[in-house]
């Protein structure tokens, strides 16, 4: 069992978690921007095929 002790002057690695969160959000935005139009095209094709029956 691990015991965590708060020592005076230690605040943890909050800036590291903030950086990881911001980098993850940035990656999601970049991937969404790159794949968004292709996914929209696939979706529109699927809907047009379904509605043509």
PDB file of N, CA and C in Angstrom:
ATOM      1  N   UNK A   1       0.840  -1.176   0.000  1.00  0.00           N
ATOM      2  CA  UNK A   1       0.000   0.000   0.000  1.00  0.00           C
ATOM      3  C   UNK A   1       0.886   1.241   0.000  1.00  0.00           C
ATOM      4  N   UNK A   2       0.547   2.198  -0.849  1.00  0.00           N
ATOM      5  CA  UNK A   2       1.338   3.412  -0.958  1.00  0.00           C
ATOM      6  C   UNK A   2       0.706   4.507  -0.115  1.00  0.00           C
ATOM      7  N   UNK A   3       1.529   5.176   0.656  1.00  0.00           N
ATOM      8  CA  UNK A   3       1.057   6.282   1.482  1.00  0.00           C
ATOM      9  C   UNK A   3       1.620   7.574   0.912  1.00  0.00           C
ATOM     10  N   UNK A   4       0.758   8.535   0.684  1.00  0.00           N
ATOM     11  CA  UNK A   4       1.173   9.823   0.165  1.00  0.00           C
ATOM     12  C   UNK A   4       1.253  10.819   1.314  1.00  0.00           C
ATOM     13  N   UNK A   5       2.377  11.498   1.402  1.00  0.00           N
ATOM     14  CA  UNK A   5       2.589  12.470   2.470  1.00  0.00           C
ATOM     15  C   UNK A   5       2.752  13.839   1.824  1.00  0.00           C
ATOM     16  N   UNK A   6       1.989  14.796   2.290  1.00  0.00           N
ATOM     17  CA  UNK A   6       2.135  16.166   1.800  1.00  0.00           C
ATOM     18  C   UNK A   6       3.286  16.838   2.536  1.00  0.00           C
ATOM     19  N   UNK A   7       4.314  17.157   1.799  1.00  0.00           N
ATOM     20  CA  UNK A   7       5.460  17.834   2.392  1.00  0.00           C
ATOM     21  C   UNK A   7       5.341  19.320   2.090  1.00  0.00           C
ATOM     22  N   UNK A   8       5.753  20.163   3.008  1.00  0.00           N
ATOM     23  CA  UNK A   8       5.694  21.611   2.750  1.00  0.00           C
ATOM     24  C   UNK A   8       6.513  21.976   1.517  1.00  0.00           C
ATOM     25  N   UNK A   9       5.929  22.785   0.651  1.00  0.00           N
ATOM     26  CA  UNK A   9       6.630  23.228  -0.556  1.00  0.00           C
ATOM     27  C   UNK A   9       6.422  22.335  -1.761  1.00  0.00           C
ATOM     28  N   UNK A  10       5.819  21.167  -1.602  1.00  0.00           N
ATOM     29  CA  UNK A  10       5.566  20.288  -2.734  1.00  0.00           C
ATOM     30  C   UNK A  10       4.137  20.472  -3.205  1.00  0.00           C
ATOM     31  N   UNK A  11       3.995  20.790  -4.462  1.00  0.00           N
ATOM     32  CA  UNK A  11       2.662  21.021  -5.005  1.00  0.00           C
ATOM     33  C   UNK A  11       2.275  19.974  -6.029  1.00  0.00           C
ATOM     34  N   UNK A  12       3.130  19.026  -6.294  1.00  0.00           N
ATOM     35  CA  UNK A  12       2.811  18.014  -7.285  1.00  0.00           C
ATOM     36  C   UNK A  12       3.224  18.452  -8.671  1.00  0.00           C
ATOM     37  N   UNK A  13       2.743  17.712  -9.659  1.00  0.00           N
ATOM     38  CA  UNK A  13       3.136  17.959 -11.040  1.00  0.00           C
ATOM     39  C   UNK A  13       1.957  18.529 -11.823  1.00  0.00           C
ATOM     40  N   UNK A  14       1.360  19.580 -11.305  1.00  0.00           N
ATOM     41  CA  UNK A  14       0.201  20.168 -11.979  1.00  0.00           C
ATOM     42  C   UNK A  14       0.571  20.724 -13.348  1.00  0.00           C
ATOM     43  N   UNK A  15       1.666  21.452 -13.523  1.00  0.00           N
ATOM     44  CA  UNK A  15       1.992  21.949 -14.871  1.00  0.00           C
ATOM     45  C   UNK A  15       2.166  20.834 -15.896  1.00  0.00           C
ATOM     46  N   UNK A  16       2.677  19.682 -15.465  1.00  0.00           N
ATOM     47  CA  UNK A  16       2.813  18.559 -16.388  1.00  0.00           C
ATOM     48  C   UNK A  16       1.467  18.053 -16.864  1.00  0.00           C
ATOM     49  N   UNK A  17       0.499  17.946 -15.952  1.00  0.00           N
ATOM     50  CA  UNK A  17      -0.837  17.506 -16.333  1.00  0.00           C
ATOM     51  C   UNK A  17      -1.521  18.528 -17.221  1.00  0.00           C
ATOM     52  N   UNK A  18      -1.298  19.791 -16.955  1.00  0.00           N
ATOM     53  CA  UNK A  18      -1.887  20.833 -17.807  1.00  0.00           C
ATOM     54  C   UNK A  18      -1.315  20.731 -19.217  1.00  0.00           C
ATOM     55  N   UNK A  19      -0.022  20.530 -19.317  1.00  0.00           N
ATOM     56  CA  UNK A  19       0.616  20.403 -20.630  1.00  0.00           C
ATOM     57  C   UNK A  19       0.095  19.185 -21.376  1.00  0.00           C
ATOM     58  N   UNK A  20      -0.031  18.056 -20.698  1.00  0.00           N
ATOM     59  CA  UNK A  20      -0.558  16.846 -21.338  1.00  0.00           C
ATOM     60  C   UNK A  20      -1.977  17.074 -21.829  1.00  0.00           C
ATOM     61  N   UNK A  21      -2.801  17.737 -21.016  1.00  0.00           N
ATOM     62  CA  UNK A  21      -4.186  18.003 -21.408  1.00  0.00           C
ATOM     63  C   UNK A  21      -4.245  18.911 -22.626  1.00  0.00           C
ATOM     64  N   UNK A  22      -3.447  19.963 -22.625  1.00  0.00           N
ATOM     65  CA  UNK A  22      -3.444  20.882 -23.769  1.00  0.00           C
ATOM     66  C   UNK A  22      -2.919  20.209 -25.035  1.00  0.00           C
ATOM     67  N   UNK A  23      -1.898  19.382 -24.898  1.00  0.00           N
ATOM     68  CA  UNK A  23      -1.366  18.687 -26.068  1.00  0.00           C
ATOM     69  C   UNK A  23      -2.382  17.687 -26.623  1.00  0.00           C
ATOM     70  N   UNK A  24      -3.094  17.001 -25.745  1.00  0.00           N
ATOM     71  CA  UNK A  24      -4.119  16.066 -26.197  1.00  0.00           C
ATOM     72  C   UNK A  24      -5.236  16.799 -26.919  1.00  0.00           C
ATOM     73  N   UNK A  25      -5.662  17.926 -26.361  1.00  0.00           N
ATOM     74  CA  UNK A  25      -6.703  18.721 -27.023  1.00  0.00           C
ATOM     75  C   UNK A  25      -6.218  19.215 -28.387  1.00  0.00           C
ATOM     76  N   UNK A  26      -4.971  19.623 -28.461  1.00  0.00           N
ATOM     77  CA  UNK A  26      -4.414  20.067 -29.742  1.00  0.00           C
ATOM     78  C   UNK A  26      -4.386  18.949 -30.768  1.00  0.00           C
ATOM     79  N   UNK A  27      -3.995  17.739 -30.337  1.00  0.00           N
ATOM     80  CA  UNK A  27      -3.986  16.607 -31.262  1.00  0.00           C
ATOM     81  C   UNK A  27      -5.386  16.273 -31.763  1.00  0.00           C
ATOM     82  N   UNK A  28      -6.363  16.330 -30.876  1.00  0.00           N
ATOM     83  CA  UNK A  28      -7.745  16.053 -31.277  1.00  0.00           C
ATOM     84  C   UNK A  28      -8.198  17.078 -32.317  1.00  0.00           C
ATOM     85  N   UNK A  29      -7.872  18.335 -32.109  1.00  0.00           N
ATOM     86  CA  UNK A  29      -8.273  19.386 -33.051  1.00  0.00           C
ATOM     87  C   UNK A  29      -7.607  19.175 -34.411  1.00  0.00           C
ATOM     88  N   UNK A  30      -6.319  18.843 -34.405  1.00  0.00           N
ATOM     89  CA  UNK A  30      -5.599  18.636 -35.674  1.00  0.00           C
ATOM     90  C   UNK A  30      -6.148  17.424 -36.421  1.00  0.00           C
ATOM     91  N   UNK A  31      -6.371  16.322 -35.700  1.00  0.00           N
ATOM     92  CA  UNK A  31      -6.903  15.114 -36.350  1.00  0.00           C
ATOM     93  C   UNK A  31      -8.312  15.366 -36.860  1.00  0.00           C
ATOM     94  N   UNK A  32      -9.124  16.071 -36.076  1.00  0.00           N
ATOM     95  CA  UNK A  32     -10.490  16.377 -36.495  1.00  0.00           C
ATOM     96  C   UNK A  32     -10.483  17.249 -37.759  1.00  0.00           C
ATOM     97  N   UNK A  33      -9.577  18.230 -37.800  1.00  0.00           N
ATOM     98  CA  UNK A  33      -9.492  19.111 -38.972  1.00  0.00           C
ATOM     99  C   UNK A  33      -9.070  18.327 -40.214  1.00  0.00           C
ATOM    100  N   UNK A  34      -8.176  17.361 -40.034  1.00  0.00           N
ATOM    101  CA  UNK A  34      -7.688  16.592 -41.179  1.00  0.00           C
ATOM    102  C   UNK A  34      -8.709  15.556 -41.639  1.00  0.00           C
ATOM    103  N   UNK A  35      -9.365  14.879 -40.710  1.00  0.00           N
ATOM    104  CA  UNK A  35     -10.260  13.783 -41.063  1.00  0.00           C
ATOM    105  C   UNK A  35     -11.713  14.208 -41.199  1.00  0.00           C
ATOM    106  N   UNK A  36     -12.055  15.386 -40.725  1.00  0.00           N
ATOM    107  CA  UNK A  36     -13.444  15.841 -40.739  1.00  0.00           C
ATOM    108  C   UNK A  36     -14.090  15.825 -42.117  1.00  0.00           C
ATOM    109  N   UNK A  37     -13.474  16.461 -43.109  1.00  0.00           N
ATOM    110  CA  UNK A  37     -14.086  16.459 -44.444  1.00  0.00           C
ATOM    111  C   UNK A  37     -14.243  15.054 -45.035  1.00  0.00           C
ATOM    112  N   UNK A  38     -13.261  14.196 -44.820  1.00  0.00           N
ATOM    113  CA  UNK A  38     -13.363  12.824 -45.348  1.00  0.00           C
ATOM    114  C   UNK A  38     -14.496  12.073 -44.660  1.00  0.00           C
ATOM    115  N   UNK A  39     -14.612  12.231 -43.353  1.00  0.00           N
ATOM    116  CA  UNK A  39     -15.692  11.561 -42.632  1.00  0.00           C
ATOM    117  C   UNK A  39     -17.051  12.115 -43.041  1.00  0.00           C
ATOM    118  N   UNK A  40     -17.132  13.392 -43.285  1.00  0.00           N
ATOM    119  CA  UNK A  40     -18.391  13.987 -43.734  1.00  0.00           C
ATOM    120  C   UNK A  40     -18.784  13.418 -45.100  1.00  0.00           C
ATOM    121  N   UNK A  41     -17.801  13.248 -45.986  1.00  0.00           N
ATOM    122  CA  UNK A  41     -18.078  12.664 -47.290  1.00  0.00           C
ATOM    123  C   UNK A  41     -18.569  11.227 -47.195  1.00  0.00           C
ATOM    124  N   UNK A  42     -17.944  10.448 -46.336  1.00  0.00           N
ATOM    125  CA  UNK A  42     -18.375   9.059 -46.137  1.00  0.00           C
ATOM    126  C   UNK A  42     -19.791   9.026 -45.579  1.00  0.00           C
ATOM    127  N   UNK A  43     -20.079   9.890 -44.623  1.00  0.00           N
ATOM    128  CA  UNK A  43     -21.412   9.945 -44.025  1.00  0.00           C
ATOM    129  C   UNK A  43     -22.461  10.333 -45.068  1.00  0.00           C
ATOM    130  N   UNK A  44     -22.164  11.334 -45.877  1.00  0.00           N
ATOM    131  CA  UNK A  44     -23.117  11.766 -46.903  1.00  0.00           C
ATOM    132  C   UNK A  44     -23.353  10.666 -47.933  1.00  0.00           C
ATOM    133  N   UNK A  45     -22.301   9.935 -48.301  1.00  0.00           N
ATOM    134  CA  UNK A  45     -22.465   8.818 -49.232  1.00  0.00           C
ATOM    135  C   UNK A  45     -23.355   7.738 -48.635  1.00  0.00           C
ATOM    136  N   UNK A  46     -23.131   7.413 -47.377  1.00  0.00           N
ATOM    137  CA  UNK A  46     -23.932   6.385 -46.718  1.00  0.00           C
ATOM    138  C   UNK A  46     -25.395   6.806 -46.645  1.00  0.00           C
ATOM    139  N   UNK A  47     -25.650   8.045 -46.295  1.00  0.00           N
ATOM    140  CA  UNK A  47     -27.031   8.524 -46.190  1.00  0.00           C
ATOM    141  C   UNK A  47     -27.703   8.529 -47.567  1.00  0.00           C
ATOM    142  N   UNK A  48     -26.972   8.940 -48.599  1.00  0.00           N
ATOM    143  CA  UNK A  48     -27.567   8.958 -49.935  1.00  0.00           C
ATOM    144  C   UNK A  48     -27.878   7.548 -50.427  1.00  0.00           C
ATOM    145  N   UNK A  49     -27.034   6.576 -50.078  1.00  0.00           N
ATOM    146  CA  UNK A  49     -27.306   5.193 -50.486  1.00  0.00           C
ATOM    147  C   UNK A  49     -28.521   4.634 -49.750  1.00  0.00           C
ATOM    148  N   UNK A  50     -28.655   4.989 -48.484  1.00  0.00           N
ATOM    149  CA  UNK A  50     -29.792   4.485 -47.705  1.00  0.00           C
ATOM    150  C   UNK A  50     -31.093   5.115 -48.196  1.00  0.00           C
ATOM    151  N   UNK A  51     -31.066   6.409 -48.488  1.00  0.00           N
ATOM    152  CA  UNK A  51     -32.290   7.089 -48.907  1.00  0.00           C
ATOM    153  C   UNK A  51     -32.672   6.763 -50.359  1.00  0.00           C
ATOM    154  N   UNK A  52     -31.741   6.211 -51.139  1.00  0.00           N
ATOM    155  CA  UNK A  52     -32.070   5.896 -52.528  1.00  0.00           C
ATOM    156  C   UNK A  52     -32.843   4.585 -52.673  1.00  0.00           C
ATOM    157  N   UNK A  53     -32.938   3.797 -51.609  1.00  0.00           N
ATOM    158  CA  UNK A  53     -33.675   2.535 -51.684  1.00  0.00           C
ATOM    159  C   UNK A  53     -35.149   2.772 -51.732  1.00  0.00           C
TER     160      UNK A  53
END
